[in-house]
Amino acid sequence: MKNRLSIWLSGIAIVVISAIGIGCGTHNSHEHGSGTASNGASDAIRQAEAINNDYVLKYEWPEKPRIGSRALKVTLTDKAGTPVEGAEVAVSYDMPSMRGAHDTTENMKQNANGDYLLPIHFVMPGDWEIVISAMKDGVEIASELILLDI
């Protein structure tokens, strides 16, 4: 009897600990860009690979990515840190598990500070794939792939 009670309590403890662990991880976002990972915190700034080492693309989530509209901020500079003028920055985003169901491609707007901003609409939880592509004079100068778990 004592042995059965011990086994039963151990089983309940495992279920409770597992449930707590699952609940804590439900809303964490994970970014994978340029081989880095982040929890999607507001200070998460990631630097992307430059295509020819002449340009630097960085992205930031001012607010943690989650369901709803969340701003994506991109900066594109040359190696000296000067904003690139006349570049076109486009963002495509979709859910890989439902390819095409939420597929969206939009051009980012450059503000007076030289930053590019775009609201990304996360309509449901799950894995999301975001591709940032920067073009200048018809040539791709930088790109980045971001994978998120919303």
Foldseek 3Di string as FASTA:
>chain_A
DVVVVVVVVVVVVVVVVVVVVCVVPQFFKWKAKPRDIDRQDLPDKDWHDWPVLQKIKIKGFNHRDDAAWTKIKIFMDTPVRHGDPQKWKKKWKDAPVPPPPPTDIDIFDADPVNMTMDIDHRHDFAKMKMKIWIDHPRHTGGMIIIIIGD
